[in-house]
Amino acid sequence: MFTDPVSGKNYFYYGNGFLAVAELNDDMTTIKPNSTSVITPSGGNLNTYAYREGAYVFYRNGLYYFLWSVDDTGSANYHVAYGTSTSPTGPINIANQPIVIIQDPTNNIYGTGHNSIIQIPGRDEWYIVYHRINANYINADPGTHREICIDQLNFNPDGTIIKITPTRRGINPVVLDHVENALSIPEFDNTSDLKLINRQIYNFSGQFLGDSIENLKNGLYIIKDTYDNGAVSTKKIFKFENN
């Protein structure tokens, strides 16, 4: 399902071996009459962009991007291809370099497909979430041994997607604009003028780590603060230092 940020309309995409689109009614469960059309990208082959399944649509800078999986899960050619359009209902123009991401056997990365795209709110910063197949099962029931992965998605100045090199590491932690570094937590609460008299820091396994975050690694923690009036505040915080 895709909500068009331009018109506010909601669209449903589906199909295996073909791609169809339909506009949804406001109830989000039924299709508007006479709104269904088949928009399968024409041409291509299993080495390039022949449509199979798993369509995903997003909008950026006046263009609608259509991404889909090519070939079958266990195939050496299994990958994500893309095209663009000026409309959420096509037609789809195939990119000159249509492969977005493909497996890398030299690093034991197989079966890269079935993607979704994430944009960090308020930023032109994008990530692709996809699956790969556990290398130990690429030749034995690969479809039931999938691993979720995430890598950064980048664009050329003309809006074309830069082909992604899949990684085993993934991305660095992303800190949203409204998330404050725990190191900036003041001794006095910003909203109450209460004096902080005790701080206890724990990891997500419940292990007590003391009262200072300065020597902790980047990551998620729980901070329990006690104030001079007896009030207790518990926060989930994310420490991030861009070294």
C-alpha atoms as a PDB file:
ATOM      1  CA  MET A   1       0.000   0.000   0.000  1.00  0.00           C
ATOM      2  CA  PHE A   2       1.216   3.489  -0.868  1.00  0.00           C
ATOM      3  CA  THR A   3      -0.190   6.891   0.122  1.00  0.00           C
ATOM      4  CA  ASP A   4       0.558   9.455  -2.550  1.00  0.00           C
ATOM      5  CA  PRO A   5       1.918  12.572  -0.768  1.00  0.00           C
ATOM      6  CA  VAL A   6       0.813  14.720  -3.713  1.00  0.00           C
ATOM      7  CA  SER A   7      -2.857  13.732  -4.007  1.00  0.00           C
ATOM      8  CA  GLY A   8      -3.422  12.004  -0.658  1.00  0.00           C
ATOM      9  CA  LYS A   9      -4.884   8.990  -2.484  1.00  0.00           C
ATOM     10  CA  ASN A  10      -4.114   5.456  -1.340  1.00  0.00           C
ATOM     11  CA  TYR A  11      -2.998   2.759  -3.766  1.00  0.00           C
ATOM     12  CA  PHE A  12      -2.683  -1.007  -3.529  1.00  0.00           C
ATOM     13  CA  TYR A  13      -0.069  -2.836  -5.614  1.00  0.00           C
ATOM     14  CA  TYR A  14      -0.123  -6.594  -6.194  1.00  0.00           C
ATOM     15  CA  GLY A  15       0.791  -9.401  -8.567  1.00  0.00           C
ATOM     16  CA  ASN A  16       3.233 -12.272  -9.132  1.00  0.00           C
ATOM     17  CA  GLY A  17       4.619 -12.258 -12.651  1.00  0.00           C
ATOM     18  CA  PHE A  18       2.671  -9.055 -13.279  1.00  0.00           C
ATOM     19  CA  LEU A  19       2.151  -5.738 -11.489  1.00  0.00           C
ATOM     20  CA  ALA A  20      -1.294  -4.262 -10.943  1.00  0.00           C
ATOM     21  CA  VAL A  21      -2.404  -1.128  -9.124  1.00  0.00           C
ATOM     22  CA  ALA A  22      -5.779  -0.096  -7.723  1.00  0.00           C
ATOM     23  CA  GLU A  23      -6.983   2.926  -5.787  1.00  0.00           C
ATOM     24  CA  LEU A  24      -8.397   2.163  -2.351  1.00  0.00           C
ATOM     25  CA  ASN A  25     -11.598   3.578  -0.908  1.00  0.00           C
ATOM     26  CA  ASP A  26     -11.458   5.525   2.342  1.00  0.00           C
ATOM     27  CA  ASP A  27     -12.187   2.324   4.298  1.00  0.00           C
ATOM     28  CA  MET A  28      -8.752   1.043   3.116  1.00  0.00           C
ATOM     29  CA  THR A  29     -10.220  -2.426   2.523  1.00  0.00           C
ATOM     30  CA  THR A  30     -12.138  -2.046  -0.740  1.00  0.00           C
ATOM     31  CA  ILE A  31     -11.094  -0.949  -4.218  1.00  0.00           C
ATOM     32  CA  LYS A  32     -12.624   1.951  -6.095  1.00  0.00           C
ATOM     33  CA  PRO A  33     -14.575   0.785  -9.160  1.00  0.00           C
ATOM     34  CA  ASN A  34     -12.747   1.013 -12.486  1.00  0.00           C
ATOM     35  CA  SER A  35      -9.474   2.013 -10.794  1.00  0.00           C
ATOM     36  CA  THR A  36      -7.502  -1.180 -11.420  1.00  0.00           C
ATOM     37  CA  SER A  37      -4.870  -1.352 -14.140  1.00  0.00           C
ATOM     38  CA  VAL A  38      -1.917  -3.575 -15.023  1.00  0.00           C
ATOM     39  CA  ILE A  39       1.345  -1.619 -15.192  1.00  0.00           C
ATOM     40  CA  THR A  40       3.909  -4.417 -15.495  1.00  0.00           C
ATOM     41  CA  PRO A  41       7.254  -3.035 -16.701  1.00  0.00           C
ATOM     42  CA  SER A  42       7.768  -4.419 -20.193  1.00  0.00           C
ATOM     43  CA  GLY A  43      10.898  -6.147 -21.457  1.00  0.00           C
ATOM     44  CA  GLY A  44      13.974  -7.178 -19.572  1.00  0.00           C
ATOM     45  CA  ASN A  45      15.146 -10.628 -18.594  1.00  0.00           C
ATOM     46  CA  LEU A  46      16.261 -12.467 -15.478  1.00  0.00           C
ATOM     47  CA  ASN A  47      19.675 -10.805 -15.656  1.00  0.00           C
ATOM     48  CA  THR A  48      18.231  -7.297 -15.741  1.00  0.00           C
ATOM     49  CA  TYR A  49      14.728  -6.215 -14.716  1.00  0.00           C
ATOM     50  CA  ALA A  50      12.070  -8.801 -15.701  1.00  0.00           C
ATOM     51  CA  TYR A  51       9.280  -8.285 -13.155  1.00  0.00           C
ATOM     52  CA  ARG A  52       8.562 -11.105 -10.694  1.00  0.00           C
ATOM     53  CA  GLU A  53       7.021  -9.836  -7.438  1.00  0.00           C
ATOM     54  CA  GLY A  54       7.414  -7.722  -4.300  1.00  0.00           C
ATOM     55  CA  ALA A  55       6.662  -4.232  -5.608  1.00  0.00           C
ATOM     56  CA  TYR A  56       7.487  -1.260  -3.395  1.00  0.00           C
ATOM     57  CA  VAL A  57       6.698   2.370  -4.258  1.00  0.00           C
ATOM     58  CA  PHE A  58       8.020   5.623  -2.785  1.00  0.00           C
ATOM     59  CA  TYR A  59       8.079   9.275  -3.793  1.00  0.00           C
ATOM     60  CA  ARG A  60      11.078  11.624  -3.961  1.00  0.00           C
ATOM     61  CA  ASN A  61      11.586  14.993  -5.645  1.00  0.00           C
ATOM     62  CA  GLY A  62       8.700  14.707  -8.094  1.00  0.00           C
ATOM     63  CA  LEU A  63       9.312  11.087  -9.071  1.00  0.00           C
ATOM     64  CA  TYR A  64       7.597   7.863  -8.067  1.00  0.00           C
ATOM     65  CA  TYR A  65      10.099   5.041  -7.665  1.00  0.00           C
ATOM     66  CA  PHE A  66       8.952   1.469  -8.308  1.00  0.00           C
ATOM     67  CA  LEU A  67      11.167  -1.334  -6.959  1.00  0.00           C
ATOM     68  CA  TRP A  68      10.578  -5.061  -7.391  1.00  0.00           C
ATOM     69  CA  SER A  69      12.218  -8.477  -7.133  1.00  0.00           C
ATOM     70  CA  VAL A  70      13.603 -10.269 -10.190  1.00  0.00           C
ATOM     71  CA  ASP A  71      13.827 -14.070 -10.575  1.00  0.00           C
ATOM     72  CA  ASP A  72      13.321 -16.560  -7.723  1.00  0.00           C
ATOM     73  CA  THR A  73      14.560 -16.626  -4.122  1.00  0.00           C
ATOM     74  CA  GLY A  74      17.290 -19.237  -4.601  1.00  0.00           C
ATOM     75  CA  SER A  75      18.494 -17.992  -7.969  1.00  0.00           C
ATOM     76  CA  ALA A  76      21.918 -16.512  -8.505  1.00  0.00           C
ATOM     77  CA  ASN A  77      20.182 -13.661 -10.363  1.00  0.00           C
ATOM     78  CA  TYR A  78      17.744 -12.843  -7.560  1.00  0.00           C
ATOM     79  CA  HIS A  79      17.879  -9.080  -7.116  1.00  0.00           C
ATOM     80  CA  VAL A  80      15.966  -5.799  -6.866  1.00  0.00           C
ATOM     81  CA  ALA A  81      15.379  -3.671  -9.972  1.00  0.00           C
ATOM     82  CA  TYR A  82      13.628  -0.337 -10.415  1.00  0.00           C
ATOM     83  CA  GLY A  83      12.025   2.215 -12.674  1.00  0.00           C
ATOM     84  CA  THR A  84      10.380   5.602 -12.192  1.00  0.00           C
ATOM     85  CA  SER A  85       7.235   7.437 -13.195  1.00  0.00           C
ATOM     86  CA  THR A  86       5.628  10.845 -12.828  1.00  0.00           C
ATOM     87  CA  SER A  87       2.449   9.098 -11.656  1.00  0.00           C
ATOM     88  CA  PRO A  88       1.710   6.479  -8.963  1.00  0.00           C
ATOM     89  CA  THR A  89      -0.174   4.501 -11.612  1.00  0.00           C
ATOM     90  CA  GLY A  90       2.610   4.452 -14.213  1.00  0.00           C
ATOM     91  CA  PRO A  91       3.695   3.964 -16.881  1.00  0.00           C
ATOM     92  CA  ILE A  92       7.043   2.871 -15.464  1.00  0.00           C
ATOM     93  CA  ASN A  93      10.223   3.996 -17.176  1.00  0.00           C
ATOM     94  CA  ILE A  94      13.042   1.517 -16.633  1.00  0.00           C
ATOM     95  CA  ALA A  95      16.283   3.019 -15.333  1.00  0.00           C
ATOM     96  CA  ASN A  96      19.363   2.820 -17.557  1.00  0.00           C
ATOM     97  CA  GLN A  97      21.078   0.924 -14.738  1.00  0.00           C
ATOM     98  CA  PRO A  98      18.056  -0.909 -13.278  1.00  0.00           C
ATOM     99  CA  ILE A  99      19.703  -3.148 -10.664  1.00  0.00           C
ATOM    100  CA  VAL A 100      19.396  -1.647  -7.175  1.00  0.00           C
ATOM    101  CA  ILE A 101      20.983  -4.472  -5.183  1.00  0.00           C
ATOM    102  CA  ILE A 102      22.162  -7.997  -6.011  1.00  0.00           C
ATOM    103  CA  GLN A 103      23.844 -10.767  -4.072  1.00  0.00           C
ATOM    104  CA  ASP A 104      27.596 -10.856  -3.480  1.00  0.00           C
ATOM    105  CA  PRO A 105      28.784 -14.497  -3.301  1.00  0.00           C
ATOM    106  CA  THR A 106      32.366 -13.438  -2.512  1.00  0.00           C
ATOM    107  CA  ASN A 107      31.067 -12.228   0.864  1.00  0.00           C
ATOM    108  CA  ASN A 108      28.513 -15.035   1.290  1.00  0.00           C
ATOM    109  CA  ILE A 109      25.615 -12.646   0.677  1.00  0.00           C
ATOM    110  CA  TYR A 110      22.835 -14.391  -1.232  1.00  0.00           C
ATOM    111  CA  GLY A 111      19.225 -13.842  -2.176  1.00  0.00           C
ATOM    112  CA  THR A 112      18.950 -10.049  -1.865  1.00  0.00           C
ATOM    113  CA  GLY A 113      15.314  -9.153  -2.561  1.00  0.00           C
ATOM    114  CA  HIS A 114      11.841  -8.255  -1.238  1.00  0.00           C
ATOM    115  CA  ASN A 115      12.702  -4.718  -0.242  1.00  0.00           C
ATOM    116  CA  SER A 116      11.112  -1.753   1.510  1.00  0.00           C
ATOM    117  CA  ILE A 117      12.404   1.820   1.650  1.00  0.00           C
ATOM    118  CA  ILE A 118      12.654   4.057   4.727  1.00  0.00           C
ATOM    119  CA  GLN A 119      13.093   7.830   4.702  1.00  0.00           C
ATOM    120  CA  ILE A 120      14.297   9.583   7.848  1.00  0.00           C
ATOM    121  CA  PRO A 121      11.596  12.210   8.573  1.00  0.00           C
ATOM    122  CA  GLY A 122      12.608  15.694   7.506  1.00  0.00           C
ATOM    123  CA  ARG A 123      15.774  14.537   5.753  1.00  0.00           C
ATOM    124  CA  ASP A 124      16.762  13.439   2.274  1.00  0.00           C
ATOM    125  CA  GLU A 125      18.200  10.330   3.922  1.00  0.00           C
ATOM    126  CA  TRP A 126      17.037   6.904   2.745  1.00  0.00           C
ATOM    127  CA  TYR A 127      17.589   3.251   3.632  1.00  0.00           C
ATOM    128  CA  ILE A 128      16.678  -0.020   1.965  1.00  0.00           C
ATOM    129  CA  VAL A 129      15.404  -2.886   4.111  1.00  0.00           C
ATOM    130  CA  TYR A 130      15.614  -6.246   2.353  1.00  0.00           C
ATOM    131  CA  HIS A 131      16.217  -9.899   2.995  1.00  0.00           C
ATOM    132  CA  ARG A 132      19.083 -12.189   2.179  1.00  0.00           C
ATOM    133  CA  ILE A 133      19.272 -15.965   2.416  1.00  0.00           C
ATOM    134  CA  ASN A 134      21.378 -17.675   5.060  1.00  0.00           C
ATOM    135  CA  ALA A 135      24.422 -18.899   3.152  1.00  0.00           C
ATOM    136  CA  ASN A 136      24.159 -22.364   4.692  1.00  0.00           C
ATOM    137  CA  TYR A 137      20.743 -22.874   3.077  1.00  0.00           C
ATOM    138  CA  ILE A 138      21.118 -21.279  -0.345  1.00  0.00           C
ATOM    139  CA  ASN A 139      20.830 -24.715  -1.994  1.00  0.00           C
ATOM    140  CA  ALA A 140      18.444 -26.267   0.523  1.00  0.00           C
ATOM    141  CA  ASP A 141      15.054 -24.654   1.149  1.00  0.00           C
ATOM    142  CA  PRO A 142      16.337 -21.062   0.883  1.00  0.00           C
ATOM    143  CA  GLY A 143      12.887 -19.514   1.125  1.00  0.00           C
ATOM    144  CA  THR A 144      12.533 -20.410   4.807  1.00  0.00           C
ATOM    145  CA  HIS A 145      15.956 -19.166   5.914  1.00  0.00           C
ATOM    146  CA  ARG A 146      15.760 -15.424   5.295  1.00  0.00           C
ATOM    147  CA  GLU A 147      17.640 -12.715   7.196  1.00  0.00           C
ATOM    148  CA  ILE A 148      16.497  -9.089   7.436  1.00  0.00           C
ATOM    149  CA  CYS A 149      19.121  -6.539   6.364  1.00  0.00           C
ATOM    150  CA  ILE A 150      19.405  -2.780   5.992  1.00  0.00           C
ATOM    151  CA  ASP A 151      21.793  -0.633   3.948  1.00  0.00           C
ATOM    152  CA  GLN A 152      21.833   3.010   2.893  1.00  0.00           C
ATOM    153  CA  LEU A 153      20.146   4.064  -0.351  1.00  0.00           C
ATOM    154  CA  ASN A 154      21.838   6.914  -2.232  1.00  0.00           C
ATOM    155  CA  PHE A 155      20.976   8.892  -5.350  1.00  0.00           C
ATOM    156  CA  ASN A 156      22.857  10.580  -8.152  1.00  0.00           C
ATOM    157  CA  PRO A 157      22.178  14.309  -8.747  1.00  0.00           C
ATOM    158  CA  ASP A 158      19.765  13.363 -11.564  1.00  0.00           C
ATOM    159  CA  GLY A 159      17.683  11.229  -9.186  1.00  0.00           C
ATOM    160  CA  THR A 160      18.868   7.844 -10.384  1.00  0.00           C
ATOM    161  CA  ILE A 161      19.610   5.277  -7.688  1.00  0.00           C
ATOM    162  CA  ILE A 162      23.240   4.406  -7.031  1.00  0.00           C
ATOM    163  CA  LYS A 163      23.647   0.633  -7.099  1.00  0.00           C
ATOM    164  CA  ILE A 164      24.034  -0.681  -3.563  1.00  0.00           C
ATOM    165  CA  THR A 165      26.845  -2.920  -2.408  1.00  0.00           C
ATOM    166  CA  PRO A 166      25.221  -5.184   0.209  1.00  0.00           C
ATOM    167  CA  THR A 167      27.061  -5.368   3.519  1.00  0.00           C
ATOM    168  CA  ARG A 168      27.159  -7.827   6.375  1.00  0.00           C
ATOM    169  CA  ARG A 169      27.557  -4.999   8.879  1.00  0.00           C
ATOM    170  CA  GLY A 170      24.526  -2.924   7.949  1.00  0.00           C
ATOM    171  CA  ILE A 171      24.274   0.771   8.823  1.00  0.00           C
ATOM    172  CA  ASN A 172      25.475   2.940  11.675  1.00  0.00           C
ATOM    173  CA  PRO A 173      22.856   3.861  14.285  1.00  0.00           C
ATOM    174  CA  VAL A 174      20.529   6.620  13.080  1.00  0.00           C
ATOM    175  CA  VAL A 175      19.747   9.394  15.553  1.00  0.00           C
ATOM    176  CA  LEU A 176      16.537  11.273  14.810  1.00  0.00           C
ATOM    177  CA  ASP A 177      16.525  15.043  15.156  1.00  0.00           C
ATOM    178  CA  HIS A 178      14.271  14.960  18.218  1.00  0.00           C
ATOM    179  CA  VAL A 179      16.428  12.423  20.092  1.00  0.00           C
ATOM    180  CA  GLU A 180      18.844  14.087  22.498  1.00  0.00           C
ATOM    181  CA  ASN A 181      22.193  12.610  23.363  1.00  0.00           C
ATOM    182  CA  ALA A 182      22.145  11.307  26.907  1.00  0.00           C
ATOM    183  CA  LEU A 183      25.299  13.275  27.626  1.00  0.00           C
ATOM    184  CA  SER A 184      23.259  16.471  27.345  1.00  0.00           C
ATOM    185  CA  ILE A 185      20.861  15.530  30.155  1.00  0.00           C
ATOM    186  CA  PRO A 186      21.320  18.357  32.685  1.00  0.00           C
ATOM    187  CA  GLU A 187      21.563  18.062  36.450  1.00  0.00           C
ATOM    188  CA  PHE A 188      18.310  19.993  36.746  1.00  0.00           C
ATOM    189  CA  ASP A 189      15.240  18.818  34.910  1.00  0.00           C
ATOM    190  CA  ASN A 190      14.302  21.305  32.158  1.00  0.00           C
ATOM    191  CA  THR A 191      10.608  21.210  32.977  1.00  0.00           C
ATOM    192  CA  SER A 192      10.482  21.272  36.754  1.00  0.00           C
ATOM    193  CA  ASP A 193      13.562  22.835  38.430  1.00  0.00           C
ATOM    194  CA  LEU A 194      13.811  19.695  40.563  1.00  0.00           C
ATOM    195  CA  LYS A 195      17.306  18.797  41.663  1.00  0.00           C
ATOM    196  CA  LEU A 196      18.647  15.459  40.497  1.00  0.00           C
ATOM    197  CA  ILE A 197      20.027  13.572  43.503  1.00  0.00           C
ATOM    198  CA  ASN A 198      20.560  10.072  42.104  1.00  0.00           C
ATOM    199  CA  ARG A 199      21.031   8.467  38.707  1.00  0.00           C
ATOM    200  CA  GLN A 200      21.086   4.751  37.902  1.00  0.00           C
ATOM    201  CA  ILE A 201      21.947   3.444  34.455  1.00  0.00           C
ATOM    202  CA  TYR A 202      21.026  -0.035  33.172  1.00  0.00           C
ATOM    203  CA  ASN A 203      21.408  -1.875  29.900  1.00  0.00           C
ATOM    204  CA  PHE A 204      18.414  -3.569  28.302  1.00  0.00           C
ATOM    205  CA  SER A 205      19.293  -6.834  30.061  1.00  0.00           C
ATOM    206  CA  GLY A 206      18.782  -5.115  33.422  1.00  0.00           C
ATOM    207  CA  GLN A 207      22.472  -4.956  34.362  1.00  0.00           C
ATOM    208  CA  PHE A 208      23.361  -1.976  36.567  1.00  0.00           C
ATOM    209  CA  LEU A 209      26.090   0.134  34.944  1.00  0.00           C
ATOM    210  CA  GLY A 210      26.622   2.922  37.466  1.00  0.00           C
ATOM    211  CA  ASP A 211      25.640   6.587  37.316  1.00  0.00           C
ATOM    212  CA  SER A 212      27.715   7.919  34.405  1.00  0.00           C
ATOM    213  CA  ILE A 213      27.269   7.245  30.720  1.00  0.00           C
ATOM    214  CA  GLU A 214      30.568   8.788  29.649  1.00  0.00           C
ATOM    215  CA  ASN A 215      32.482   5.508  29.504  1.00  0.00           C
ATOM    216  CA  LEU A 216      29.680   3.459  27.944  1.00  0.00           C
ATOM    217  CA  LYS A 217      29.669   2.330  24.338  1.00  0.00           C
ATOM    218  CA  ASN A 218      27.170   3.758  21.879  1.00  0.00           C
ATOM    219  CA  GLY A 219      23.815   2.061  22.261  1.00  0.00           C
ATOM    220  CA  LEU A 220      20.483   1.917  24.063  1.00  0.00           C
ATOM    221  CA  TYR A 221      20.227   2.312  27.841  1.00  0.00           C
ATOM    222  CA  ILE A 222      17.677   2.889  30.576  1.00  0.00           C
ATOM    223  CA  ILE A 223      18.265   5.793  32.977  1.00  0.00           C
ATOM    224  CA  LYS A 224      16.433   6.016  36.298  1.00  0.00           C
ATOM    225  CA  ASP A 225      16.616   9.488  37.852  1.00  0.00           C
ATOM    226  CA  THR A 226      15.533  10.385  41.403  1.00  0.00           C
ATOM    227  CA  TYR A 227      14.864  14.008  42.332  1.00  0.00           C
ATOM    228  CA  ASP A 228      14.957  15.878  45.632  1.00  0.00           C
ATOM    229  CA  ASN A 229      11.163  15.730  46.067  1.00  0.00           C
ATOM    230  CA  GLY A 230      11.139  11.950  45.726  1.00  0.00           C
ATOM    231  CA  ALA A 231       9.934  11.920  42.105  1.00  0.00           C
ATOM    232  CA  VAL A 232      11.404   9.200  39.894  1.00  0.00           C
ATOM    233  CA  SER A 233      11.822   9.489  36.122  1.00  0.00           C
ATOM    234  CA  THR A 234      12.743   6.568  33.876  1.00  0.00           C
ATOM    235  CA  LYS A 235      13.974   7.208  30.334  1.00  0.00           C
ATOM    236  CA  LYS A 236      15.055   5.057  27.422  1.00  0.00           C
ATOM    237  CA  ILE A 237      17.989   6.865  25.870  1.00  0.00           C
ATOM    238  CA  PHE A 238      20.323   6.370  22.975  1.00  0.00           C
ATOM    239  CA  LYS A 239      23.965   7.298  23.317  1.00  0.00           C
ATOM    240  CA  PHE A 240      25.566   8.281  20.052  1.00  0.00           C
ATOM    241  CA  GLU A 241      28.908   9.940  19.492  1.00  0.00           C
ATOM    242  CA  ASN A 242      29.920  10.568  15.891  1.00  0.00           C
ATOM    243  CA  ASN A 243      33.603   9.760  16.201  1.00  0.00           C
END
